Amino acid sequence: MTIQELIRQDQFEIINEGSDLSREITEPFCCDLLSVAMGNAPAGCAWCTVMANMNTLAVASLTEAGCVILCMGASADDNMKMKAASEGITLLRTDRGIFETALGIYRNLHEKDQL
């Protein structure tokens, strides 16, 4: 599933469409501790978090995350929105919990395996 396909599901508020929407999502990743995410977020992941700050985007860029999804109603301030736009990072938002969001993405990624 690509980032564009994830967006087309209309499950997320789009804060910023990144520069590479054709990029494949490798897996969901759940983490709210930036130092842990820095060392463990896989490239191409859909990072589900409540950490709505500039450092989250820095870690997403460093780890080459596919996109960042702010969960549980977390919202990005104007500085975070501008940074996501300038860095080309896809930033999405949902009111759903982190696990529920990640599980939905996991199921979409592995749907073909279950058929």
PDB file of N, CA and C in Angstrom:
ATOM      1  N   MET A   1       0.843  -1.166   0.000  1.00  0.00           N
ATOM      2  CA  MET A   1       0.000   0.000   0.000  1.00  0.00           C
ATOM      3  C   MET A   1       0.895   1.239   0.000  1.00  0.00           C
ATOM      4  N   THR A   2       0.550   2.179  -0.841  1.00  0.00           N
ATOM      5  CA  THR A   2       1.305   3.422  -0.901  1.00  0.00           C
ATOM      6  C   THR A   2       0.712   4.452   0.064  1.00  0.00           C
ATOM      7  N   ILE A   3       1.450   5.514   0.271  1.00  0.00           N
ATOM      8  CA  ILE A   3       0.948   6.597   1.119  1.00  0.00           C
ATOM      9  C   ILE A   3      -0.320   7.178   0.494  1.00  0.00           C
ATOM     10  N   GLN A   4      -0.335   7.317  -0.831  1.00  0.00           N
ATOM     11  CA  GLN A   4      -1.525   7.835  -1.521  1.00  0.00           C
ATOM     12  C   GLN A   4      -2.726   6.931  -1.282  1.00  0.00           C
ATOM     13  N   GLU A   5      -2.535   5.628  -1.341  1.00  0.00           N
ATOM     14  CA  GLU A   5      -3.633   4.690  -1.094  1.00  0.00           C
ATOM     15  C   GLU A   5      -4.130   4.812   0.344  1.00  0.00           C
ATOM     16  N   LEU A   6      -3.230   5.028   1.281  1.00  0.00           N
ATOM     17  CA  LEU A   6      -3.615   5.236   2.671  1.00  0.00           C
ATOM     18  C   LEU A   6      -4.476   6.498   2.793  1.00  0.00           C
ATOM     19  N   ILE A   7      -4.049   7.560   2.146  1.00  0.00           N
ATOM     20  CA  ILE A   7      -4.797   8.820   2.192  1.00  0.00           C
ATOM     21  C   ILE A   7      -6.177   8.656   1.562  1.00  0.00           C
ATOM     22  N   ARG A   8      -6.264   7.928   0.471  1.00  0.00           N
ATOM     23  CA  ARG A   8      -7.543   7.743  -0.238  1.00  0.00           C
ATOM     24  C   ARG A   8      -8.583   6.995   0.588  1.00  0.00           C
ATOM     25  N   GLN A   9      -8.178   6.349   1.642  1.00  0.00           N
ATOM     26  CA  GLN A   9      -9.131   5.627   2.488  1.00  0.00           C
ATOM     27  C   GLN A   9     -10.018   6.571   3.292  1.00  0.00           C
ATOM     28  N   ASP A  10      -9.695   7.846   3.273  1.00  0.00           N
ATOM     29  CA  ASP A  10     -10.482   8.887   3.965  1.00  0.00           C
ATOM     30  C   ASP A  10     -10.666   8.599   5.454  1.00  0.00           C
ATOM     31  N   GLN A  11      -9.657   8.039   6.077  1.00  0.00           N
ATOM     32  CA  GLN A  11      -9.707   7.776   7.515  1.00  0.00           C
ATOM     33  C   GLN A  11      -8.914   8.814   8.304  1.00  0.00           C
ATOM     34  N   PHE A  12      -8.196   9.678   7.591  1.00  0.00           N
ATOM     35  CA  PHE A  12      -7.305  10.611   8.252  1.00  0.00           C
ATOM     36  C   PHE A  12      -7.530  12.032   7.758  1.00  0.00           C
ATOM     37  N   GLU A  13      -7.342  12.966   8.662  1.00  0.00           N
ATOM     38  CA  GLU A  13      -7.288  14.364   8.267  1.00  0.00           C
ATOM     39  C   GLU A  13      -5.890  14.595   7.701  1.00  0.00           C
ATOM     40  N   ILE A  14      -5.807  15.223   6.562  1.00  0.00           N
ATOM     41  CA  ILE A  14      -4.514  15.495   5.945  1.00  0.00           C
ATOM     42  C   ILE A  14      -4.014  16.839   6.453  1.00  0.00           C
ATOM     43  N   ILE A  15      -2.896  16.806   7.152  1.00  0.00           N
ATOM     44  CA  ILE A  15      -2.258  18.033   7.599  1.00  0.00           C
ATOM     45  C   ILE A  15      -1.283  18.500   6.533  1.00  0.00           C
ATOM     46  N   ASN A  16      -0.525  17.563   5.976  1.00  0.00           N
ATOM     47  CA  ASN A  16       0.404  17.876   4.888  1.00  0.00           C
ATOM     48  C   ASN A  16       0.597  16.645   4.018  1.00  0.00           C
ATOM     49  N   GLU A  17       0.420  16.819   2.708  1.00  0.00           N
ATOM     50  CA  GLU A  17       0.769  15.763   1.768  1.00  0.00           C
ATOM     51  C   GLU A  17       2.249  15.885   1.486  1.00  0.00           C
ATOM     52  N   GLY A  18       2.966  14.832   1.681  1.00  0.00           N
ATOM     53  CA  GLY A  18       4.406  14.853   1.477  1.00  0.00           C
ATOM     54  C   GLY A  18       4.787  14.881   0.008  1.00  0.00           C
ATOM     55  N   SER A  19       6.056  14.810  -0.236  1.00  0.00           N
ATOM     56  CA  SER A  19       6.574  14.931  -1.601  1.00  0.00           C
ATOM     57  C   SER A  19       6.601  13.619  -2.373  1.00  0.00           C
ATOM     58  N   ASP A  20       6.411  12.467  -1.696  1.00  0.00           N
ATOM     59  CA  ASP A  20       6.475  11.175  -2.389  1.00  0.00           C
ATOM     60  C   ASP A  20       5.309  10.291  -1.961  1.00  0.00           C
ATOM     61  N   LEU A  21       4.131  10.579  -2.512  1.00  0.00           N
ATOM     62  CA  LEU A  21       2.932   9.829  -2.140  1.00  0.00           C
ATOM     63  C   LEU A  21       2.898   8.437  -2.755  1.00  0.00           C
ATOM     64  N   SER A  22       3.773   8.161  -3.710  1.00  0.00           N
ATOM     65  CA  SER A  22       3.816   6.834  -4.316  1.00  0.00           C
ATOM     66  C   SER A  22       4.699   5.868  -3.521  1.00  0.00           C
ATOM     67  N   ARG A  23       5.281   6.355  -2.452  1.00  0.00           N
ATOM     68  CA  ARG A  23       6.160   5.526  -1.621  1.00  0.00           C
ATOM     69  C   ARG A  23       5.363   4.426  -0.913  1.00  0.00           C
ATOM     70  N   GLU A  24       5.923   3.222  -0.889  1.00  0.00           N
ATOM     71  CA  GLU A  24       5.279   2.085  -0.231  1.00  0.00           C
ATOM     72  C   GLU A  24       5.419   2.192   1.283  1.00  0.00           C
ATOM     73  N   ILE A  25       4.339   1.912   1.985  1.00  0.00           N
ATOM     74  CA  ILE A  25       4.378   1.824   3.442  1.00  0.00           C
ATOM     75  C   ILE A  25       4.848   0.417   3.784  1.00  0.00           C
ATOM     76  N   THR A  26       5.890   0.324   4.596  1.00  0.00           N
ATOM     77  CA  THR A  26       6.462  -0.981   4.917  1.00  0.00           C
ATOM     78  C   THR A  26       5.723  -1.673   6.049  1.00  0.00           C
ATOM     79  N   GLU A  27       5.335  -0.897   7.064  1.00  0.00           N
ATOM     80  CA  GLU A  27       4.631  -1.437   8.231  1.00  0.00           C
ATOM     81  C   GLU A  27       4.217  -0.282   9.130  1.00  0.00           C
ATOM     82  N   PRO A  28       3.258  -0.521  10.013  1.00  0.00           N
ATOM     83  CA  PRO A  28       2.956   0.508  11.010  1.00  0.00           C
ATOM     84  C   PRO A  28       4.001   0.454  12.122  1.00  0.00           C
ATOM     85  N   PHE A  29       4.211   1.569  12.763  1.00  0.00           N
ATOM     86  CA  PHE A  29       5.162   1.639  13.875  1.00  0.00           C
ATOM     87  C   PHE A  29       4.541   2.515  14.959  1.00  0.00           C
ATOM     88  N   CYS A  30       4.469   2.006  16.178  1.00  0.00           N
ATOM     89  CA  CYS A  30       3.887   2.726  17.308  1.00  0.00           C
ATOM     90  C   CYS A  30       4.982   3.082  18.305  1.00  0.00           C
ATOM     91  N   CYS A  31       5.117   4.370  18.595  1.00  0.00           N
ATOM     92  CA  CYS A  31       6.111   4.777  19.573  1.00  0.00           C
ATOM     93  C   CYS A  31       5.915   6.242  19.923  1.00  0.00           C
ATOM     94  N   ASP A  32       5.997   6.550  21.218  1.00  0.00           N
ATOM     95  CA  ASP A  32       5.886   7.926  21.678  1.00  0.00           C
ATOM     96  C   ASP A  32       7.159   8.416  22.356  1.00  0.00           C
ATOM     97  N   LEU A  33       8.184   7.635  22.304  1.00  0.00           N
ATOM     98  CA  LEU A  33       9.467   8.033  22.881  1.00  0.00           C
ATOM     99  C   LEU A  33      10.432   8.255  21.721  1.00  0.00           C
ATOM    100  N   LEU A  34      10.796   9.515  21.509  1.00  0.00           N
ATOM    101  CA  LEU A  34      11.569   9.866  20.315  1.00  0.00           C
ATOM    102  C   LEU A  34      12.904   9.150  20.221  1.00  0.00           C
ATOM    103  N   SER A  35      13.581   8.952  21.345  1.00  0.00           N
ATOM    104  CA  SER A  35      14.877   8.268  21.300  1.00  0.00           C
ATOM    105  C   SER A  35      14.720   6.811  20.872  1.00  0.00           C
ATOM    106  N   VAL A  36      13.627   6.178  21.265  1.00  0.00           N
ATOM    107  CA  VAL A  36      13.361   4.798  20.843  1.00  0.00           C
ATOM    108  C   VAL A  36      13.008   4.769  19.366  1.00  0.00           C
ATOM    109  N   ALA A  37      12.172   5.705  18.940  1.00  0.00           N
ATOM    110  CA  ALA A  37      11.795   5.779  17.532  1.00  0.00           C
ATOM    111  C   ALA A  37      13.026   6.028  16.655  1.00  0.00           C
ATOM    112  N   MET A  38      13.931   6.867  17.123  1.00  0.00           N
ATOM    113  CA  MET A  38      15.128   7.189  16.350  1.00  0.00           C
ATOM    114  C   MET A  38      15.939   5.934  16.042  1.00  0.00           C
ATOM    115  N   GLY A  39      15.988   5.016  16.966  1.00  0.00           N
ATOM    116  CA  GLY A  39      16.780   3.809  16.769  1.00  0.00           C
ATOM    117  C   GLY A  39      16.016   2.632  16.206  1.00  0.00           C
ATOM    118  N   ASN A  40      14.682   2.739  16.126  1.00  0.00           N
ATOM    119  CA  ASN A  40      13.909   1.555  15.765  1.00  0.00           C
ATOM    120  C   ASN A  40      12.863   1.736  14.681  1.00  0.00           C
ATOM    121  N   ALA A  41      12.502   2.948  14.339  1.00  0.00           N
ATOM    122  CA  ALA A  41      11.483   3.149  13.310  1.00  0.00           C
ATOM    123  C   ALA A  41      12.029   2.673  11.963  1.00  0.00           C
ATOM    124  N   PRO A  42      11.347   1.725  11.339  1.00  0.00           N
ATOM    125  CA  PRO A  42      11.836   1.234  10.051  1.00  0.00           C
ATOM    126  C   PRO A  42      11.554   2.230   8.924  1.00  0.00           C
ATOM    127  N   ALA A  43      12.452   2.290   7.971  1.00  0.00           N
ATOM    128  CA  ALA A  43      12.237   3.144   6.803  1.00  0.00           C
ATOM    129  C   ALA A  43      10.926   2.765   6.135  1.00  0.00           C
ATOM    130  N   GLY A  44      10.174   3.770   5.740  1.00  0.00           N
ATOM    131  CA  GLY A  44       8.910   3.532   5.047  1.00  0.00           C
ATOM    132  C   GLY A  44       7.725   3.266   5.944  1.00  0.00           C
ATOM    133  N   CYS A  45       7.922   3.304   7.250  1.00  0.00           N
ATOM    134  CA  CYS A  45       6.828   2.985   8.168  1.00  0.00           C
ATOM    135  C   CYS A  45       5.781   4.096   8.211  1.00  0.00           C
ATOM    136  N   ALA A  46       4.591   3.721   8.657  1.00  0.00           N
ATOM    137  CA  ALA A  46       3.556   4.684   9.009  1.00  0.00           C
ATOM    138  C   ALA A  46       3.652   4.822  10.521  1.00  0.00           C
ATOM    139  N   TRP A  47       4.261   5.891  10.977  1.00  0.00           N
ATOM    140  CA  TRP A  47       4.542   6.095  12.394  1.00  0.00           C
ATOM    141  C   TRP A  47       3.323   6.678  13.076  1.00  0.00           C
ATOM    142  N   CYS A  48       2.747   5.914  13.991  1.00  0.00           N
ATOM    143  CA  CYS A  48       1.559   6.309  14.749  1.00  0.00           C
ATOM    144  C   CYS A  48       2.009   6.802  16.122  1.00  0.00           C
ATOM    145  N   THR A  49       1.684   8.053  16.459  1.00  0.00           N
ATOM    146  CA  THR A  49       2.186   8.655  17.687  1.00  0.00           C
ATOM    147  C   THR A  49       1.259   9.763  18.168  1.00  0.00           C
ATOM    148  N   VAL A  50       1.432  10.174  19.411  1.00  0.00           N
ATOM    149  CA  VAL A  50       0.748  11.357  19.930  1.00  0.00           C
ATOM    150  C   VAL A  50       1.728  12.524  20.083  1.00  0.00           C
ATOM    151  N   MET A  51       2.978  12.303  19.727  1.00  0.00           N
ATOM    152  CA  MET A  51       4.020  13.325  19.879  1.00  0.00           C
ATOM    153  C   MET A  51       3.929  14.339  18.739  1.00  0.00           C
ATOM    154  N   ALA A  52       3.211  15.404  19.001  1.00  0.00           N
ATOM    155  CA  ALA A  52       2.981  16.426  17.973  1.00  0.00           C
ATOM    156  C   ALA A  52       3.933  17.590  18.182  1.00  0.00           C
ATOM    157  N   ASN A  53       5.189  17.389  17.802  1.00  0.00           N
ATOM    158  CA  ASN A  53       6.148  18.484  17.915  1.00  0.00           C
ATOM    159  C   ASN A  53       7.201  18.391  16.810  1.00  0.00           C
ATOM    160  N   MET A  54       8.005  19.427  16.726  1.00  0.00           N
ATOM    161  CA  MET A  54       9.011  19.523  15.669  1.00  0.00           C
ATOM    162  C   MET A  54      10.013  18.371  15.718  1.00  0.00           C
ATOM    163  N   ASN A  55      10.356  17.895  16.897  1.00  0.00           N
ATOM    164  CA  ASN A  55      11.331  16.812  17.018  1.00  0.00           C
ATOM    165  C   ASN A  55      10.819  15.521  16.396  1.00  0.00           C
ATOM    166  N   THR A  56       9.504  15.326  16.418  1.00  0.00           N
ATOM    167  CA  THR A  56       8.920  14.154  15.778  1.00  0.00           C
ATOM    168  C   THR A  56       9.240  14.165  14.289  1.00  0.00           C
ATOM    169  N   LEU A  57       9.127  15.327  13.668  1.00  0.00           N
ATOM    170  CA  LEU A  57       9.427  15.429  12.242  1.00  0.00           C
ATOM    171  C   LEU A  57      10.911  15.212  11.964  1.00  0.00           C
ATOM    172  N   ALA A  58      11.760  15.675  12.866  1.00  0.00           N
ATOM    173  CA  ALA A  58      13.196  15.461  12.705  1.00  0.00           C
ATOM    174  C   ALA A  58      13.516  13.973  12.743  1.00  0.00           C
ATOM    175  N   VAL A  59      12.903  13.254  13.673  1.00  0.00           N
ATOM    176  CA  VAL A  59      13.120  11.807  13.769  1.00  0.00           C
ATOM    177  C   VAL A  59      12.527  11.104  12.549  1.00  0.00           C
ATOM    178  N   ALA A  60      11.363  11.533  12.100  1.00  0.00           N
ATOM    179  CA  ALA A  60      10.747  10.935  10.908  1.00  0.00           C
ATOM    180  C   ALA A  60      11.655  11.097   9.696  1.00  0.00           C
ATOM    181  N   SER A  61      12.258  12.253   9.567  1.00  0.00           N
ATOM    182  CA  SER A  61      13.171  12.498   8.461  1.00  0.00           C
ATOM    183  C   SER A  61      14.434  11.641   8.588  1.00  0.00           C
ATOM    184  N   LEU A  62      14.986  11.590   9.777  1.00  0.00           N
ATOM    185  CA  LEU A  62      16.199  10.813  10.032  1.00  0.00           C
ATOM    186  C   LEU A  62      15.996   9.321   9.763  1.00  0.00           C
ATOM    187  N   THR A  63      14.851   8.792  10.166  1.00  0.00           N
ATOM    188  CA  THR A  63      14.586   7.366  10.018  1.00  0.00           C
ATOM    189  C   THR A  63      13.958   7.015   8.668  1.00  0.00           C
ATOM    190  N   GLU A  64      13.663   8.042   7.881  1.00  0.00           N
ATOM    191  CA  GLU A  64      13.022   7.868   6.580  1.00  0.00           C
ATOM    192  C   GLU A  64      11.650   7.215   6.696  1.00  0.00           C
ATOM    193  N   ALA A  65      10.907   7.605   7.740  1.00  0.00           N
ATOM    194  CA  ALA A  65       9.530   7.121   7.901  1.00  0.00           C
ATOM    195  C   ALA A  65       8.716   7.537   6.684  1.00  0.00           C
ATOM    196  N   GLY A  66       7.760   6.701   6.309  1.00  0.00           N
ATOM    197  CA  GLY A  66       6.922   7.017   5.157  1.00  0.00           C
ATOM    198  C   GLY A  66       5.962   8.158   5.444  1.00  0.00           C
ATOM    199  N   CYS A  67       5.402   8.151   6.646  1.00  0.00           N
ATOM    200  CA  CYS A  67       4.492   9.204   7.059  1.00  0.00           C
ATOM    201  C   CYS A  67       4.376   9.193   8.574  1.00  0.00           C
ATOM    202  N   VAL A  68       3.839  10.279   9.105  1.00  0.00           N
ATOM    203  CA  VAL A  68       3.575  10.391  10.539  1.00  0.00           C
ATOM    204  C   VAL A  68       2.073  10.565  10.697  1.00  0.00           C
ATOM    205  N   ILE A  69       1.486   9.774  11.594  1.00  0.00           N
ATOM    206  CA  ILE A  69       0.063   9.891  11.881  1.00  0.00           C
ATOM    207  C   ILE A  69      -0.096  10.283  13.340  1.00  0.00           C
ATOM    208  N   LEU A  70      -0.625  11.478  13.559  1.00  0.00           N
ATOM    209  CA  LEU A  70      -0.895  11.944  14.918  1.00  0.00           C
ATOM    210  C   LEU A  70      -2.220  11.339  15.359  1.00  0.00           C
ATOM    211  N   CYS A  71      -2.188  10.587  16.449  1.00  0.00           N
ATOM    212  CA  CYS A  71      -3.348   9.843  16.929  1.00  0.00           C
ATOM    213  C   CYS A  71      -3.955  10.493  18.170  1.00  0.00           C
ATOM    214  N   MET A  72      -5.127   9.990  18.549  1.00  0.00           N
ATOM    215  CA  MET A  72      -5.827  10.402  19.769  1.00  0.00           C
ATOM    216  C   MET A  72      -6.108  11.906  19.798  1.00  0.00           C
ATOM    217  N   GLY A  73      -6.352  12.476  18.633  1.00  0.00           N
ATOM    218  CA  GLY A  73      -6.706  13.886  18.559  1.00  0.00           C
ATOM    219  C   GLY A  73      -5.543  14.847  18.701  1.00  0.00           C
ATOM    220  N   ALA A  74      -4.320  14.345  18.746  1.00  0.00           N
ATOM    221  CA  ALA A  74      -3.158  15.249  18.830  1.00  0.00           C
ATOM    222  C   ALA A  74      -3.157  16.136  17.592  1.00  0.00           C
ATOM    223  N   SER A  75      -2.797  17.381  17.784  1.00  0.00           N
ATOM    224  CA  SER A  75      -2.824  18.288  16.642  1.00  0.00           C
ATOM    225  C   SER A  75      -1.479  18.999  16.489  1.00  0.00           C
ATOM    226  N   ALA A  76      -1.199  19.322  15.259  1.00  0.00           N
ATOM    227  CA  ALA A  76       0.060  19.992  14.922  1.00  0.00           C
ATOM    228  C   ALA A  76      -0.133  21.496  14.998  1.00  0.00           C
ATOM    229  N   ASP A  77       0.850  22.185  15.582  1.00  0.00           N
ATOM    230  CA  ASP A  77       0.789  23.646  15.577  1.00  0.00           C
ATOM    231  C   ASP A  77       1.286  24.152  14.222  1.00  0.00           C
ATOM    232  N   ASP A  78       1.201  25.457  14.018  1.00  0.00           N
ATOM    233  CA  ASP A  78       1.575  26.039  12.729  1.00  0.00           C
ATOM    234  C   ASP A  78       3.034  25.774  12.375  1.00  0.00           C
ATOM    235  N   ASN A  79       3.924  25.805  13.364  1.00  0.00           N
ATOM    236  CA  ASN A  79       5.340  25.534  13.095  1.00  0.00           C
ATOM    237  C   ASN A  79       5.554  24.114  12.606  1.00  0.00           C
ATOM    238  N   MET A  80       4.849  23.167  13.206  1.00  0.00           N
ATOM    239  CA  MET A  80       4.976  21.769  12.784  1.00  0.00           C
ATOM    240  C   MET A  80       4.430  21.597  11.373  1.00  0.00           C
ATOM    241  N   LYS A  81       3.325  22.255  11.073  1.00  0.00           N
ATOM    242  CA  LYS A  81       2.744  22.173   9.731  1.00  0.00           C
ATOM    243  C   LYS A  81       3.709  22.735   8.689  1.00  0.00           C
ATOM    244  N   MET A  82       4.307  23.873   8.995  1.00  0.00           N
ATOM    245  CA  MET A  82       5.258  24.486   8.061  1.00  0.00           C
ATOM    246  C   MET A  82       6.493  23.612   7.870  1.00  0.00           C
ATOM    247  N   LYS A  83       6.975  22.994   8.953  1.00  0.00           N
ATOM    248  CA  LYS A  83       8.150  22.114   8.873  1.00  0.00           C
ATOM    249  C   LYS A  83       7.838  20.875   8.040  1.00  0.00           C
ATOM    250  N   ALA A  84       6.669  20.292   8.247  1.00  0.00           N
ATOM    251  CA  ALA A  84       6.276  19.118   7.452  1.00  0.00           C
ATOM    252  C   ALA A  84       6.235  19.484   5.971  1.00  0.00           C
ATOM    253  N   ALA A  85       5.697  20.654   5.666  1.00  0.00           N
ATOM    254  CA  ALA A  85       5.620  21.103   4.274  1.00  0.00           C
ATOM    255  C   ALA A  85       7.013  21.330   3.696  1.00  0.00           C
ATOM    256  N   SER A  86       7.883  21.986   4.447  1.00  0.00           N
ATOM    257  CA  SER A  86       9.222  22.286   3.919  1.00  0.00           C
ATOM    258  C   SER A  86      10.081  21.030   3.775  1.00  0.00           C
ATOM    259  N   GLU A  87       9.834  20.014   4.603  1.00  0.00           N
ATOM    260  CA  GLU A  87      10.598  18.767   4.533  1.00  0.00           C
ATOM    261  C   GLU A  87       9.952  17.716   3.636  1.00  0.00           C
ATOM    262  N   GLY A  88       8.735  17.984   3.148  1.00  0.00           N
ATOM    263  CA  GLY A  88       8.044  17.028   2.285  1.00  0.00           C
ATOM    264  C   GLY A  88       7.558  15.796   3.016  1.00  0.00           C
ATOM    265  N   ILE A  89       7.239  15.945   4.308  1.00  0.00           N
ATOM    266  CA  ILE A  89       6.794  14.810   5.131  1.00  0.00           C
ATOM    267  C   ILE A  89       5.273  14.742   5.129  1.00  0.00           C
ATOM    268  N   THR A  90       4.736  13.565   4.858  1.00  0.00           N
ATOM    269  CA  THR A  90       3.296  13.381   4.947  1.00  0.00           C
ATOM    270  C   THR A  90       2.912  13.322   6.419  1.00  0.00           C
ATOM    271  N   LEU A  91       1.994  14.210   6.809  1.00  0.00           N
ATOM    272  CA  LEU A  91       1.541  14.315   8.191  1.00  0.00           C
ATOM    273  C   LEU A  91       0.027  14.205   8.199  1.00  0.00           C
ATOM    274  N   LEU A  92      -0.461  13.192   8.903  1.00  0.00           N
ATOM    275  CA  LEU A  92      -1.889  12.912   8.981  1.00  0.00           C
ATOM    276  C   LEU A  92      -2.344  12.977  10.425  1.00  0.00           C
ATOM    277  N   ARG A  93      -3.665  12.993  10.632  1.00  0.00           N
ATOM    278  CA  ARG A  93      -4.219  13.086  11.979  1.00  0.00           C
ATOM    279  C   ARG A  93      -5.479  12.242  12.080  1.00  0.00           C
ATOM    280  N   THR A  94      -5.707  11.673  13.280  1.00  0.00           N
ATOM    281  CA  THR A  94      -6.917  10.911  13.553  1.00  0.00           C
ATOM    282  C   THR A  94      -7.280  11.043  15.030  1.00  0.00           C
ATOM    283  N   ASP A  95      -8.539  10.833  15.321  1.00  0.00           N
ATOM    284  CA  ASP A  95      -8.982  10.799  16.715  1.00  0.00           C
ATOM    285  C   ASP A  95      -8.851   9.395  17.305  1.00  0.00           C
ATOM    286  N   ARG A  96      -8.624   8.410  16.452  1.00  0.00           N
ATOM    287  CA  ARG A  96      -8.492   7.032  16.931  1.00  0.00           C
ATOM    288  C   ARG A  96      -7.205   6.847  17.734  1.00  0.00           C
ATOM    289  N   GLY A  97      -7.185   5.794  18.524  1.00  0.00           N
ATOM    290  CA  GLY A  97      -6.006   5.480  19.323  1.00  0.00           C
ATOM    291  C   GLY A  97      -4.858   4.970  18.471  1.00  0.00           C
ATOM    292  N   ILE A  98      -3.694   4.930  19.074  1.00  0.00           N
ATOM    293  CA  ILE A  98      -2.485   4.514  18.362  1.00  0.00           C
ATOM    294  C   ILE A  98      -2.597   3.058  17.900  1.00  0.00           C
ATOM    295  N   PHE A  99      -2.980   2.167  18.811  1.00  0.00           N
ATOM    296  CA  PHE A  99      -3.054   0.750  18.456  1.00  0.00           C
ATOM    297  C   PHE A  99      -4.092   0.511  17.372  1.00  0.00           C
ATOM    298  N   GLU A 100      -5.272   1.095  17.529  1.00  0.00           N
ATOM    299  CA  GLU A 100      -6.345   0.909  16.551  1.00  0.00           C
ATOM    300  C   GLU A 100      -5.910   1.406  15.166  1.00  0.00           C
ATOM    301  N   THR A 101      -5.230   2.531  15.129  1.00  0.00           N
ATOM    302  CA  THR A 101      -4.744   3.084  13.872  1.00  0.00           C
ATOM    303  C   THR A 101      -3.718   2.156  13.233  1.00  0.00           C
ATOM    304  N   ALA A 102      -2.749   1.727  14.020  1.00  0.00           N
ATOM    305  CA  ALA A 102      -1.700   0.840  13.508  1.00  0.00           C
ATOM    306  C   ALA A 102      -2.277  -0.502  13.066  1.00  0.00           C
ATOM    307  N   LEU A 103      -3.223  -1.022  13.809  1.00  0.00           N
ATOM    308  CA  LEU A 103      -3.836  -2.303  13.458  1.00  0.00           C
ATOM    309  C   LEU A 103      -4.568  -2.208  12.123  1.00  0.00           C
ATOM    310  N   GLY A 104      -5.269  -1.114  11.899  1.00  0.00           N
ATOM    311  CA  GLY A 104      -5.949  -0.917  10.620  1.00  0.00           C
ATOM    312  C   GLY A 104      -4.974  -0.891   9.461  1.00  0.00           C
ATOM    313  N   ILE A 105      -3.857  -0.227   9.641  1.00  0.00           N
ATOM    314  CA  ILE A 105      -2.834  -0.179   8.594  1.00  0.00           C
ATOM    315  C   ILE A 105      -2.233  -1.563   8.384  1.00  0.00           C
ATOM    316  N   TYR A 106      -1.947  -2.261   9.467  1.00  0.00           N
ATOM    317  CA  TYR A 106      -1.392  -3.614   9.374  1.00  0.00           C
ATOM    318  C   TYR A 106      -2.340  -4.524   8.590  1.00  0.00           C
ATOM    319  N   ARG A 107      -3.607  -4.453   8.913  1.00  0.00           N
ATOM    320  CA  ARG A 107      -4.585  -5.295   8.208  1.00  0.00           C
ATOM    321  C   ARG A 107      -4.638  -4.961   6.728  1.00  0.00           C
ATOM    322  N   ASN A 108      -4.589  -3.680   6.396  1.00  0.00           N
ATOM    323  CA  ASN A 108      -4.591  -3.289   4.982  1.00  0.00           C
ATOM    324  C   ASN A 108      -3.355  -3.787   4.256  1.00  0.00           C
ATOM    325  N   LEU A 109      -2.221  -3.756   4.919  1.00  0.00           N
ATOM    326  CA  LEU A 109      -0.979  -4.216   4.311  1.00  0.00           C
ATOM    327  C   LEU A 109      -0.982  -5.726   4.073  1.00  0.00           C
ATOM    328  N   HIS A 110      -1.646  -6.465   4.959  1.00  0.00           N
ATOM    329  CA  HIS A 110      -1.603  -7.921   4.896  1.00  0.00           C
ATOM    330  C   HIS A 110      -2.896  -8.544   4.424  1.00  0.00           C
ATOM    331  N   GLU A 111      -3.799  -7.738   3.928  1.00  0.00           N
ATOM    332  CA  GLU A 111      -5.087  -8.214   3.449  1.00  0.00           C
ATOM    333  C   GLU A 111      -4.921  -9.286   2.363  1.00  0.00           C
ATOM    334  N   LYS A 112      -3.985  -9.081   1.463  1.00  0.00           N
ATOM    335  CA  LYS A 112      -3.755 -10.032   0.367  1.00  0.00           C
ATOM    336  C   LYS A 112      -3.283 -11.378   0.916  1.00  0.00           C
ATOM    337  N   ASP A 113      -2.541 -11.359   2.019  1.00  0.00           N
ATOM    338  CA  ASP A 113      -2.034 -12.601   2.601  1.00  0.00           C
ATOM    339  C   ASP A 113      -3.164 -13.468   3.150  1.00  0.00           C
ATOM    340  N   GLN A 114      -4.279 -12.837   3.500  1.00  0.00           N
ATOM    341  CA  GLN A 114      -5.380 -13.556   4.121  1.00  0.00           C
ATOM    342  C   GLN A 114      -6.358 -14.135   3.099  1.00  0.00           C
ATOM    343  N   LEU A 115      -6.238 -13.722   1.842  1.00  0.00           N
ATOM    344  CA  LEU A 115      -7.172 -14.203   0.804  1.00  0.00           C
ATOM    345  C   LEU A 115      -6.784 -15.557   0.286  1.00  0.00           C
TER     346      LEU A 115
END
